[in-house]
PDB file of N, CA and C in Angstrom:
ATOM      1  N   MET A   1      -9.865  89.492  48.037  1.00  0.00           N
ATOM      2  CA  MET A   1      -9.071  90.221  49.014  1.00  0.00           C
ATOM      3  C   MET A   1      -7.965  90.992  48.297  1.00  0.00           C
ATOM      4  N   ASN A   2      -7.731  92.189  48.769  1.00  0.00           N
ATOM      5  CA  ASN A   2      -6.653  93.014  48.239  1.00  0.00           C
ATOM      6  C   ASN A   2      -5.327  92.584  48.841  1.00  0.00           C
ATOM      7  N   ALA A   3      -4.256  92.930  48.142  1.00  0.00           N
ATOM      8  CA  ALA A   3      -2.909  92.685  48.678  1.00  0.00           C
ATOM      9  C   ALA A   3      -2.717  93.566  49.912  1.00  0.00           C
ATOM     10  N   PRO A   4      -1.833  93.183  50.827  1.00  0.00           N
ATOM     11  CA  PRO A   4      -1.563  94.020  51.998  1.00  0.00           C
ATOM     12  C   PRO A   4      -1.151  95.435  51.579  1.00  0.00           C
ATOM     13  N   LEU A   5      -1.567  96.412  52.363  1.00  0.00           N
ATOM     14  CA  LEU A   5      -1.211  97.800  52.121  1.00  0.00           C
ATOM     15  C   LEU A   5       0.285  97.961  52.338  1.00  0.00           C
ATOM     16  N   GLU A   6       0.985  98.473  51.353  1.00  0.00           N
ATOM     17  CA  GLU A   6       2.432  98.674  51.453  1.00  0.00           C
ATOM     18  C   GLU A   6       2.726  99.905  52.287  1.00  0.00           C
ATOM     19  N   GLY A   7       3.812  99.891  53.010  1.00  0.00           N
ATOM     20  CA  GLY A   7       4.247 101.064  53.757  1.00  0.00           C
ATOM     21  C   GLY A   7       4.169 100.852  55.251  1.00  0.00           C
ATOM     22  N   THR A   8       4.571 101.894  55.990  1.00  0.00           N
ATOM     23  CA  THR A   8       4.608 101.873  57.441  1.00  0.00           C
ATOM     24  C   THR A   8       3.771 103.019  57.983  1.00  0.00           C
ATOM     25  N   TRP A   9       2.896 102.735  58.943  1.00  0.00           N
ATOM     26  CA  TRP A   9       2.113 103.777  59.603  1.00  0.00           C
ATOM     27  C   TRP A   9       3.048 104.576  60.513  1.00  0.00           C
ATOM     28  N   GLN A  10       2.993 105.901  60.414  1.00  0.00           N
ATOM     29  CA  GLN A  10       3.880 106.776  61.174  1.00  0.00           C
ATOM     30  C   GLN A  10       3.223 107.229  62.481  1.00  0.00           C
ATOM     31  N   HIS A  11       3.993 107.299  63.531  1.00  0.00           N
ATOM     32  CA  HIS A  11       3.604 107.836  64.839  1.00  0.00           C
ATOM     33  C   HIS A  11       2.522 107.021  65.535  1.00  0.00           C
ATOM     34  N   ALA A  12       2.352 105.767  65.172  1.00  0.00           N
ATOM     35  CA  ALA A  12       1.406 104.896  65.873  1.00  0.00           C
ATOM     36  C   ALA A  12       2.048 104.425  67.172  1.00  0.00           C
ATOM     37  N   SER A  13       1.216 104.121  68.158  1.00  0.00           N
ATOM     38  CA  SER A  13       1.751 103.596  69.418  1.00  0.00           C
ATOM     39  C   SER A  13       1.587 102.081  69.461  1.00  0.00           C
ATOM     40  N   VAL A  14       2.276 101.473  70.401  1.00  0.00           N
ATOM     41  CA  VAL A  14       2.279 100.019  70.530  1.00  0.00           C
ATOM     42  C   VAL A  14       1.053  99.570  71.327  1.00  0.00           C
ATOM     43  N   VAL A  15       0.419  98.491  70.903  1.00  0.00           N
ATOM     44  CA  VAL A  15      -0.689  97.889  71.650  1.00  0.00           C
ATOM     45  C   VAL A  15      -0.068  97.050  72.764  1.00  0.00           C
ATOM     46  N   HIS A  16      -0.369  97.395  74.023  1.00  0.00           N
ATOM     47  CA  HIS A  16       0.249  96.711  75.165  1.00  0.00           C
ATOM     48  C   HIS A  16      -0.595  95.581  75.731  1.00  0.00           C
ATOM     49  N   ARG A  17      -1.870  95.534  75.400  1.00  0.00           N
ATOM     50  CA  ARG A  17      -2.690  94.429  75.878  1.00  0.00           C
ATOM     51  C   ARG A  17      -3.220  93.660  74.680  1.00  0.00           C
ATOM     52  N   LYS A  18      -3.563  92.405  74.896  1.00  0.00           N
ATOM     53  CA  LYS A  18      -4.006  91.566  73.785  1.00  0.00           C
ATOM     54  C   LYS A  18      -5.373  92.027  73.280  1.00  0.00           C
ATOM     55  N   VAL A  19      -5.420  92.329  72.012  1.00  0.00           N
ATOM     56  CA  VAL A  19      -6.646  92.725  71.323  1.00  0.00           C
ATOM     57  C   VAL A  19      -6.768  91.825  70.111  1.00  0.00           C
ATOM     58  N   SER A  20      -7.975  91.363  69.847  1.00  0.00           N
ATOM     59  CA  SER A  20      -8.177  90.590  68.626  1.00  0.00           C
ATOM     60  C   SER A  20      -9.551  90.930  68.048  1.00  0.00           C
ATOM     61  N   TYR A  21      -9.650  90.929  66.749  1.00  0.00           N
ATOM     62  CA  TYR A  21     -10.894  91.213  66.041  1.00  0.00           C
ATOM     63  C   TYR A  21     -10.780  90.642  64.639  1.00  0.00           C
ATOM     64  N   GLN A  22     -11.907  90.522  63.973  1.00  0.00           N
ATOM     65  CA  GLN A  22     -11.893  90.086  62.582  1.00  0.00           C
ATOM     66  C   GLN A  22     -11.850  91.338  61.717  1.00  0.00           C
ATOM     67  N   CYS A  23     -10.839  91.454  60.905  1.00  0.00           N
ATOM     68  CA  CYS A  23     -10.648  92.633  60.064  1.00  0.00           C
ATOM     69  C   CYS A  23     -11.731  92.689  58.984  1.00  0.00           C
ATOM     70  N   SER A  24     -12.347  93.848  58.845  1.00  0.00           N
ATOM     71  CA  SER A  24     -13.385  94.011  57.825  1.00  0.00           C
ATOM     72  C   SER A  24     -12.797  94.192  56.424  1.00  0.00           C
ATOM     73  N   HIS A  25     -11.497  94.440  56.340  1.00  0.00           N
ATOM     74  CA  HIS A  25     -10.852  94.598  55.032  1.00  0.00           C
ATOM     75  C   HIS A  25     -10.435  93.258  54.432  1.00  0.00           C
ATOM     76  N   CYS A  26      -9.749  92.437  55.249  1.00  0.00           N
ATOM     77  CA  CYS A  26      -9.222  91.169  54.720  1.00  0.00           C
ATOM     78  C   CYS A  26      -9.978  89.946  55.226  1.00  0.00           C
ATOM     79  N   GLY A  27     -10.800  90.124  56.280  1.00  0.00           N
ATOM     80  CA  GLY A  27     -11.586  89.028  56.815  1.00  0.00           C
ATOM     81  C   GLY A  27     -10.838  88.090  57.738  1.00  0.00           C
ATOM     82  N   LYS A  28      -9.570  88.355  57.987  1.00  0.00           N
ATOM     83  CA  LYS A  28      -8.760  87.483  58.838  1.00  0.00           C
ATOM     84  C   LYS A  28      -8.801  87.933  60.294  1.00  0.00           C
ATOM     85  N   ALA A  29      -8.504  87.015  61.197  1.00  0.00           N
ATOM     86  CA  ALA A  29      -8.357  87.364  62.607  1.00  0.00           C
ATOM     87  C   ALA A  29      -7.090  88.205  62.750  1.00  0.00           C
ATOM     88  N   SER A  30      -7.217  89.318  63.440  1.00  0.00           N
ATOM     89  CA  SER A  30      -6.082  90.232  63.587  1.00  0.00           C
ATOM     90  C   SER A  30      -5.751  90.415  65.063  1.00  0.00           C
ATOM     91  N   THR A  31      -4.482  90.421  65.373  1.00  0.00           N
ATOM     92  CA  THR A  31      -3.985  90.795  66.694  1.00  0.00           C
ATOM     93  C   THR A  31      -3.018  91.957  66.469  1.00  0.00           C
ATOM     94  N   PRO A  32      -3.575  93.169  66.370  1.00  0.00           N
ATOM     95  CA  PRO A  32      -2.765  94.324  65.986  1.00  0.00           C
ATOM     96  C   PRO A  32      -1.668  94.640  66.984  1.00  0.00           C
ATOM     97  N   ARG A  33      -0.588  95.180  66.454  1.00  0.00           N
ATOM     98  CA  ARG A  33       0.546  95.605  67.272  1.00  0.00           C
ATOM     99  C   ARG A  33       0.665  97.125  67.318  1.00  0.00           C
ATOM    100  N   ARG A  34      -0.099  97.828  66.460  1.00  0.00           N
ATOM    101  CA  ARG A  34      -0.013  99.291  66.398  1.00  0.00           C
ATOM    102  C   ARG A  34      -1.414  99.889  66.488  1.00  0.00           C
ATOM    103  N   LYS A  35      -1.508 101.102  67.076  1.00  0.00           N
ATOM    104  CA  LYS A  35      -2.795 101.782  67.215  1.00  0.00           C
ATOM    105  C   LYS A  35      -2.613 103.294  67.267  1.00  0.00           C
ATOM    106  N   TYR A  36      -3.722 103.999  67.030  1.00  0.00           N
ATOM    107  CA  TYR A  36      -3.835 105.436  67.229  1.00  0.00           C
ATOM    108  C   TYR A  36      -5.017 105.656  68.151  1.00  0.00           C
ATOM    109  N   LYS A  37      -4.906 106.589  69.099  1.00  0.00           N
ATOM    110  CA  LYS A  37      -5.993 106.850  70.037  1.00  0.00           C
ATOM    111  C   LYS A  37      -6.492 108.283  69.907  1.00  0.00           C
ATOM    112  N   CYS A  38      -7.818 108.459  70.060  1.00  0.00           N
ATOM    113  CA  CYS A  38      -8.439 109.769  70.192  1.00  0.00           C
ATOM    114  C   CYS A  38      -8.770 109.916  71.670  1.00  0.00           C
ATOM    115  N   VAL A  39      -8.120 110.869  72.346  1.00  0.00           N
ATOM    116  CA  VAL A  39      -8.231 111.001  73.793  1.00  0.00           C
ATOM    117  C   VAL A  39      -8.780 112.372  74.166  1.00  0.00           C
ATOM    118  N   GLU A  40      -9.728 112.367  75.101  1.00  0.00           N
ATOM    119  CA  GLU A  40     -10.299 113.607  75.637  1.00  0.00           C
ATOM    120  C   GLU A  40      -9.701 113.851  77.024  1.00  0.00           C
ATOM    121  N   PRO A  41      -9.133 115.040  77.249  1.00  0.00           N
ATOM    122  CA  PRO A  41      -8.608 115.339  78.580  1.00  0.00           C
ATOM    123  C   PRO A  41      -9.753 115.354  79.600  1.00  0.00           C
ATOM    124  N   ASN A  42      -9.443 114.966  80.848  1.00  0.00           N
ATOM    125  CA  ASN A  42     -10.445 114.923  81.899  1.00  0.00           C
ATOM    126  C   ASN A  42      -9.711 115.035  83.227  1.00  0.00           C
ATOM    127  N   ARG A  43     -10.326 115.703  84.193  1.00  0.00           N
ATOM    128  CA  ARG A  43      -9.676 115.875  85.507  1.00  0.00           C
ATOM    129  C   ARG A  43      -9.371 114.543  86.188  1.00  0.00           C
ATOM    130  N   ALA A  44     -10.239 113.548  85.982  1.00  0.00           N
ATOM    131  CA  ALA A  44     -10.030 112.237  86.603  1.00  0.00           C
ATOM    132  C   ALA A  44      -9.041 111.386  85.818  1.00  0.00           C
ATOM    133  N   GLY A  45      -8.622 111.864  84.682  1.00  0.00           N
ATOM    134  CA  GLY A  45      -7.711 111.128  83.813  1.00  0.00           C
ATOM    135  C   GLY A  45      -8.250 111.129  82.393  1.00  0.00           C
ATOM    136  N   PRO A  46      -7.385 110.947  81.427  1.00  0.00           N
ATOM    137  CA  PRO A  46      -7.819 111.005  80.034  1.00  0.00           C
ATOM    138  C   PRO A  46      -8.860 109.931  79.718  1.00  0.00           C
ATOM    139  N   ILE A  47      -9.788 110.258  78.826  1.00  0.00           N
ATOM    140  CA  ILE A  47     -10.821 109.327  78.397  1.00  0.00           C
ATOM    141  C   ILE A  47     -10.591 108.991  76.927  1.00  0.00           C
ATOM    142  N   THR A  48     -10.460 107.724  76.625  1.00  0.00           N
ATOM    143  CA  THR A  48     -10.281 107.290  75.238  1.00  0.00           C
ATOM    144  C   THR A  48     -11.640 107.271  74.556  1.00  0.00           C
ATOM    145  N   ARG A  49     -11.774 108.011  73.468  1.00  0.00           N
ATOM    146  CA  ARG A  49     -13.031 108.089  72.723  1.00  0.00           C
ATOM    147  C   ARG A  49     -13.046 107.158  71.518  1.00  0.00           C
ATOM    148  N   GLY A  50     -11.888 106.841  70.981  1.00  0.00           N
ATOM    149  CA  GLY A  50     -11.818 105.959  69.829  1.00  0.00           C
ATOM    150  C   GLY A  50     -10.399 105.472  69.608  1.00  0.00           C
ATOM    151  N   ILE A  51     -10.298 104.320  68.977  1.00  0.00           N
ATOM    152  CA  ILE A  51      -8.989 103.739  68.670  1.00  0.00           C
ATOM    153  C   ILE A  51      -9.004 103.252  67.228  1.00  0.00           C
ATOM    154  N   ILE A  52      -7.935 103.537  66.523  1.00  0.00           N
ATOM    155  CA  ILE A  52      -7.738 102.984  65.184  1.00  0.00           C
ATOM    156  C   ILE A  52      -6.658 101.925  65.314  1.00  0.00           C
ATOM    157  N   TYR A  53      -7.038 100.670  65.080  1.00  0.00           N
ATOM    158  CA  TYR A  53      -6.081  99.568  65.096  1.00  0.00           C
ATOM    159  C   TYR A  53      -5.614  99.299  63.673  1.00  0.00           C
ATOM    160  N   ILE A  54      -4.367  98.923  63.533  1.00  0.00           N
ATOM    161  CA  ILE A  54      -3.801  98.568  62.235  1.00  0.00           C
ATOM    162  C   ILE A  54      -3.746  97.044  62.159  1.00  0.00           C
ATOM    163  N   CYS A  55      -4.426  96.470  61.183  1.00  0.00           N
ATOM    164  CA  CYS A  55      -4.503  95.021  61.039  1.00  0.00           C
ATOM    165  C   CYS A  55      -3.113  94.412  60.869  1.00  0.00           C
ATOM    166  N   SER A  56      -2.866  93.352  61.627  1.00  0.00           N
ATOM    167  CA  SER A  56      -1.572  92.668  61.557  1.00  0.00           C
ATOM    168  C   SER A  56      -1.429  91.831  60.290  1.00  0.00           C
ATOM    169  N   GLU A  57      -2.523  91.611  59.581  1.00  0.00           N
ATOM    170  CA  GLU A  57      -2.490  90.802  58.355  1.00  0.00           C
ATOM    171  C   GLU A  57      -2.407  91.643  57.083  1.00  0.00           C
ATOM    172  N   CYS A  58      -3.268  92.678  56.980  1.00  0.00           N
ATOM    173  CA  CYS A  58      -3.328  93.446  55.720  1.00  0.00           C
ATOM    174  C   CYS A  58      -2.827  94.881  55.845  1.00  0.00           C
ATOM    175  N   ASN A  59      -2.491  95.338  57.081  1.00  0.00           N
ATOM    176  CA  ASN A  59      -1.938  96.665  57.317  1.00  0.00           C
ATOM    177  C   ASN A  59      -2.948  97.781  57.062  1.00  0.00           C
ATOM    178  N   ARG A  60      -4.261  97.467  57.126  1.00  0.00           N
ATOM    179  CA  ARG A  60      -5.301  98.474  56.921  1.00  0.00           C
ATOM    180  C   ARG A  60      -5.939  98.849  58.262  1.00  0.00           C
ATOM    181  N   PRO A  61      -6.487 100.093  58.355  1.00  0.00           N
ATOM    182  CA  PRO A  61      -7.021 100.584  59.625  1.00  0.00           C
ATOM    183  C   PRO A  61      -8.460 100.147  59.891  1.00  0.00           C
ATOM    184  N   THR A  62      -8.763  99.959  61.186  1.00  0.00           N
ATOM    185  CA  THR A  62     -10.125  99.700  61.651  1.00  0.00           C
ATOM    186  C   THR A  62     -10.385 100.614  62.837  1.00  0.00           C
ATOM    187  N   PHE A  63     -11.479 101.407  62.753  1.00  0.00           N
ATOM    188  CA  PHE A  63     -11.845 102.326  63.828  1.00  0.00           C
ATOM    189  C   PHE A  63     -12.807 101.650  64.790  1.00  0.00           C
ATOM    190  N   MET A  64     -12.541 101.797  66.086  1.00  0.00           N
ATOM    191  CA  MET A  64     -13.432 101.281  67.121  1.00  0.00           C
ATOM    192  C   MET A  64     -13.724 102.399  68.107  1.00  0.00           C
ATOM    193  N   GLU A  65     -14.996 102.786  68.184  1.00  0.00           N
ATOM    194  CA  GLU A  65     -15.408 103.831  69.122  1.00  0.00           C
ATOM    195  C   GLU A  65     -15.474 103.249  70.529  1.00  0.00           C
ATOM    196  N   GLN A  66     -15.076 104.049  71.518  1.00  0.00           N
ATOM    197  CA  GLN A  66     -15.041 103.604  72.908  1.00  0.00           C
ATOM    198  C   GLN A  66     -16.096 104.331  73.719  1.00  0.00           C
ATOM    199  N   THR A  67     -16.587 103.691  74.769  1.00  0.00           N
ATOM    200  CA  THR A  67     -17.498 104.348  75.695  1.00  0.00           C
ATOM    201  C   THR A  67     -16.673 105.202  76.646  1.00  0.00           C
ATOM    202  N   ALA A  68     -17.315 106.165  77.273  1.00  0.00           N
ATOM    203  CA  ALA A  68     -16.618 107.070  78.187  1.00  0.00           C
ATOM    204  C   ALA A  68     -16.192 106.331  79.448  1.00  0.00           C
ATOM    205  N   LYS A  69     -14.900 106.299  79.721  1.00  0.00           N
ATOM    206  CA  LYS A  69     -14.346 105.692  80.919  1.00  0.00           C
ATOM    207  C   LYS A  69     -12.913 106.184  81.066  1.00  0.00           C
ATOM    208  N   PRO A  70     -12.364 106.175  82.260  1.00  0.00           N
ATOM    209  CA  PRO A  70     -10.943 106.559  82.402  1.00  0.00           C
ATOM    210  C   PRO A  70     -10.060 105.703  81.499  1.00  0.00           C
ATOM    211  N   ASP A  71      -9.009 106.300  81.029  1.00  0.00           N
ATOM    212  CA  ASP A  71      -8.132 105.653  80.048  1.00  0.00           C
ATOM    213  C   ASP A  71      -7.399 104.454  80.646  1.00  0.00           C
ATOM    214  N   THR A  72      -7.722 103.263  80.136  1.00  0.00           N
ATOM    215  CA  THR A  72      -7.025 102.047  80.564  1.00  0.00           C
ATOM    216  C   THR A  72      -6.518 101.282  79.361  1.00  0.00           C
ATOM    217  N   LEU A  73      -6.695 101.825  78.154  1.00  0.00           N
ATOM    218  CA  LEU A  73      -6.341 101.109  76.937  1.00  0.00           C
ATOM    219  C   LEU A  73      -4.952 101.458  76.473  1.00  0.00           C
TER     220      LEU A  73
END
């Protein structure tokens, strides 16, 4: 395992609901506190197409593609 990535991710938003996954970089269970979203505008409301979560253990990014649905994330 590599040492945690040094530094701070800029302009990330706060994760407001509990998310957990196993990080593919460090292998640990992660409950990220920061994220980036790829959002598509839509008349019914924005649709989240993908989210990059920042691992709470190693500070490395993990991309998760989302299915088309109104933005609730």
